[in-house]
Amino acid sequence: MNVPAREVRAEYGERTITVYQAYSPQIAEPALAAGAFVPPFKRGRMTWIKPSFTWMLHRSGCGTKPDQDRVLAIEITRSGFAWALENGSLSAVDRRVHASTQAWQAEQRASPVRVQWDPERDERLRELPYRSIQVGLGGEAANRYVTEWITAIRDVTPLAHAVRDWIATGCPASDRPDFPAERPYPLSLLATARIGAS
């Protein structure tokens, strides 16, 4: 199966999309209790959301890295995710998207969202030849995320640990834990152009 080089893949429904973040228990526990990010979570810092569960596992070491030991699945509105992408700016200049370095710099100054494409990972967290998106939310985007977009927060740390153990023991694919059912995510023409999607 040919997968486009830059394609957003996610678990989603009619109105929401699932993204992932990993935090320390000091941030995760209050968020789970409140169903929203509350102090000590800081809106002033850019916060990165990832629709790919395997990329989140790779980034957090399956929930074992310091301050990333609680892996959270966050349901957000699809309209909010669309707003983020349509107002996003790539984290590096891309000649397919930007007419010049100056145009990219101007876009960066005007945008509260950063978009980055990193190598996707397979179920055993091996690098794949196509990319996965992560989206950094700052300023207005972070405020919208915290106050408007989030509809639910779930703790998926036990699943992250189950995947870690499955990989470590070299168990066969038949014993694989149940991964989220991610599929290609539809993007608007504006979002596709802004983030350099395939």
Protein backbone atom coordinates (compact mmCIF):
# COMPACT_ATOMS: atom_id res chain seq x y z
CA MET A 1 0.00 0.00 0.00
CA ASN A 2 1.40 3.39 -1.02
CA VAL A 3 1.08 5.95 1.75
CA PRO A 4 1.49 9.63 0.82
CA ALA A 5 4.67 11.19 2.17
CA ARG A 6 2.77 13.77 4.22
CA GLU A 7 -0.64 12.53 5.24
CA VAL A 8 -2.57 13.19 8.45
CA ARG A 9 -3.77 9.91 9.95
CA ALA A 10 -5.89 9.80 13.08
CA GLU A 11 -8.68 8.14 14.98
CA TYR A 12 -11.72 10.34 14.51
CA GLY A 13 -15.49 10.46 14.43
CA GLU A 14 -18.08 12.79 12.99
CA ARG A 15 -17.24 15.70 15.32
CA THR A 16 -14.02 14.87 17.15
CA ILE A 17 -10.46 13.73 16.50
CA THR A 18 -8.11 12.04 19.00
CA VAL A 19 -4.69 13.55 19.64
CA TYR A 20 -2.03 12.49 22.13
CA GLN A 21 0.21 14.17 24.67
CA ALA A 22 2.45 12.84 27.44
CA TYR A 23 2.95 14.61 30.76
CA SER A 24 4.12 14.12 34.31
CA PRO A 25 1.53 12.90 36.84
CA GLN A 26 1.53 16.42 38.32
CA ILE A 27 -0.07 17.72 35.12
CA ALA A 28 -1.92 14.59 33.99
CA GLU A 29 -3.79 13.83 37.21
CA PRO A 30 -5.51 17.24 37.53
CA ALA A 31 -6.30 17.20 33.80
CA LEU A 32 -7.94 13.78 34.04
CA ALA A 33 -9.93 14.84 37.10
CA ALA A 34 -11.13 18.07 35.50
CA GLY A 35 -11.57 16.78 31.95
CA ALA A 36 -9.48 19.77 30.86
CA PHE A 37 -5.98 21.12 31.31
CA VAL A 38 -5.76 23.09 34.53
CA PRO A 39 -2.81 24.38 36.61
CA PRO A 40 0.00 23.44 36.87
CA PHE A 41 -0.45 23.14 33.08
CA LYS A 42 0.83 26.42 31.60
CA ARG A 43 -0.91 27.93 28.61
CA GLY A 44 2.01 30.28 28.03
CA ARG A 45 4.17 27.47 26.68
CA MET A 46 3.69 25.88 23.27
CA THR A 47 1.96 22.53 23.68
CA TRP A 48 2.39 19.82 21.02
CA ILE A 49 -0.43 17.50 19.99
CA LYS A 50 0.06 14.35 17.91
CA PRO A 51 -2.68 12.41 16.09
CA SER A 52 -0.39 9.36 15.70
CA PHE A 53 -0.41 7.01 18.68
CA THR A 54 2.78 5.25 17.57
CA TRP A 55 4.61 8.55 17.18
CA MET A 56 3.53 9.51 20.68
CA LEU A 57 4.82 6.17 21.97
CA HIS A 58 8.14 6.73 20.23
CA ARG A 59 8.42 10.27 21.60
CA SER A 60 7.55 9.30 25.18
CA GLY A 61 9.38 5.97 25.27
CA CYS A 62 5.99 4.29 25.74
CA GLY A 63 5.39 6.46 28.78
CA THR A 64 8.78 5.92 30.43
CA LYS A 65 10.66 9.16 29.76
CA PRO A 66 10.91 11.74 32.55
CA ASP A 67 7.86 14.05 32.65
CA GLN A 68 6.23 11.97 29.89
CA ASP A 69 5.19 9.01 31.99
CA ARG A 70 1.45 9.54 31.61
CA VAL A 71 0.17 9.23 28.05
CA LEU A 72 -3.14 10.98 27.44
CA ALA A 73 -5.65 10.65 24.61
CA ILE A 74 -7.40 13.97 24.15
CA GLU A 75 -10.62 14.25 22.17
CA ILE A 76 -10.84 17.64 20.47
CA THR A 77 -13.33 19.10 18.04
CA ARG A 78 -12.62 18.62 14.37
CA SER A 79 -13.44 22.29 13.87
CA GLY A 80 -10.71 23.21 16.34
CA PHE A 81 -8.19 20.94 14.64
CA ALA A 82 -9.11 22.49 11.29
CA TRP A 83 -8.60 25.98 12.73
CA ALA A 84 -5.14 24.97 13.97
CA LEU A 85 -4.03 23.60 10.61
CA GLU A 86 -5.56 26.44 8.59
CA ASN A 87 -3.72 28.93 10.80
CA GLY A 88 -0.54 26.88 11.04
CA SER A 89 2.97 27.60 9.87
CA LEU A 90 5.55 24.96 9.05
CA SER A 91 8.44 24.78 11.52
CA ALA A 92 10.93 24.98 8.64
CA VAL A 93 10.88 26.77 5.30
CA ASP A 94 9.50 24.62 2.48
CA ARG A 95 9.92 25.78 -1.12
CA ARG A 96 6.77 23.88 -2.11
CA VAL A 97 4.79 26.08 0.30
CA HIS A 98 6.74 29.34 0.69
CA ALA A 99 7.77 31.71 -2.06
CA SER A 100 10.80 32.79 -0.03
CA THR A 101 12.44 32.56 3.37
CA GLN A 102 11.08 36.03 4.10
CA ALA A 103 7.52 34.85 3.32
CA TRP A 104 7.95 31.91 5.70
CA GLN A 105 9.32 34.17 8.44
CA ALA A 106 6.36 36.52 8.05
CA GLU A 107 3.97 33.57 8.27
CA GLN A 108 5.72 32.36 11.41
CA ARG A 109 5.39 35.76 13.08
CA ALA A 110 1.68 35.86 12.32
CA SER A 111 0.82 32.28 13.29
CA PRO A 112 0.20 30.84 16.78
CA VAL A 113 0.56 27.29 15.41
CA ARG A 114 3.64 25.31 14.37
CA VAL A 115 3.39 22.25 12.15
CA GLN A 116 6.15 19.67 11.94
CA TRP A 117 6.41 16.48 9.89
CA ASP A 118 8.49 13.68 11.44
CA PRO A 119 9.10 10.07 10.38
CA GLU A 120 6.09 7.94 11.24
CA ARG A 121 6.58 4.75 13.26
CA ASP A 122 5.17 1.28 12.80
CA GLU A 123 3.58 -0.75 15.59
CA ARG A 124 7.02 -1.82 16.85
CA LEU A 125 8.11 1.85 16.67
CA ARG A 126 10.46 1.36 13.73
CA GLU A 127 10.88 4.34 11.41
CA LEU A 128 8.70 4.37 8.30
CA PRO A 129 9.43 6.12 4.97
CA TYR A 130 6.52 8.54 5.32
CA ARG A 131 5.74 11.32 7.77
CA SER A 132 3.53 11.96 10.77
CA ILE A 133 2.27 15.37 11.82
CA GLN A 134 2.68 17.08 15.15
CA VAL A 135 1.06 20.41 15.84
CA GLY A 136 2.40 23.00 18.28
CA LEU A 137 -0.19 25.29 19.84
CA GLY A 138 0.83 28.62 21.34
CA GLY A 139 -0.83 31.93 22.16
CA GLU A 140 -4.40 32.12 20.86
CA ALA A 141 -4.26 28.49 19.67
CA ALA A 142 -3.28 27.19 23.13
CA ASN A 143 -6.08 29.20 24.73
CA ARG A 144 -8.63 27.86 22.25
CA TYR A 145 -7.34 24.33 22.81
CA VAL A 146 -7.75 24.52 26.57
CA THR A 147 -11.03 26.45 26.72
CA GLU A 148 -12.94 25.43 23.56
CA TRP A 149 -11.67 22.36 21.73
CA ILE A 150 -11.22 19.61 24.32
CA THR A 151 -14.24 17.37 24.85
CA ALA A 152 -12.63 14.53 26.86
CA ILE A 153 -9.29 13.33 28.23
CA ARG A 154 -8.44 9.65 28.76
CA ASP A 155 -5.43 7.94 30.32
CA VAL A 156 -3.92 5.48 27.82
CA THR A 157 -0.74 4.84 29.82
CA PRO A 158 -1.68 1.17 30.45
CA LEU A 159 -1.93 0.64 26.69
CA ALA A 160 1.41 2.38 26.16
CA HIS A 161 3.01 0.05 28.71
CA ALA A 162 1.36 -2.98 27.13
CA VAL A 163 2.84 -2.01 23.76
CA ARG A 164 6.26 -1.50 25.38
CA ASP A 165 6.11 -4.99 26.90
CA TRP A 166 4.90 -6.55 23.63
CA ILE A 167 7.81 -5.00 21.74
CA ALA A 168 10.37 -5.90 24.42
CA THR A 169 9.39 -9.57 24.52
CA GLY A 170 9.26 -9.95 20.74
CA CYS A 171 5.77 -11.41 20.87
CA PRO A 172 4.09 -12.29 17.57
CA ALA A 173 1.70 -9.93 15.81
CA SER A 174 -1.20 -12.11 16.94
CA ASP A 175 -0.51 -11.03 20.54
CA ARG A 176 -0.36 -7.33 19.69
CA PRO A 177 -2.35 -5.00 21.97
CA ASP A 178 -5.29 -3.20 20.35
CA PHE A 179 -4.01 -0.02 18.73
CA PRO A 180 -6.28 2.94 17.94
CA ALA A 181 -7.96 2.62 14.54
CA GLU A 182 -6.24 5.45 12.69
CA ARG A 183 -7.10 6.27 9.08
CA PRO A 184 -6.42 9.08 6.61
CA TYR A 185 -7.93 12.32 7.84
CA PRO A 186 -9.71 14.67 5.40
CA LEU A 187 -8.19 18.14 5.13
CA SER A 188 -9.53 21.34 3.64
CA LEU A 189 -7.74 22.77 0.62
CA LEU A 190 -6.54 25.66 2.80
CA ALA A 191 -5.09 23.32 5.44
CA THR A 192 -3.45 21.15 2.79
CA ALA A 193 -1.72 24.17 1.31
CA ARG A 194 -0.70 25.71 4.65
CA ILE A 195 0.93 22.58 6.06
CA GLY A 196 2.40 21.16 2.85
CA ALA A 197 0.40 17.95 3.00
CA SER A 198 0.66 15.51 0.08
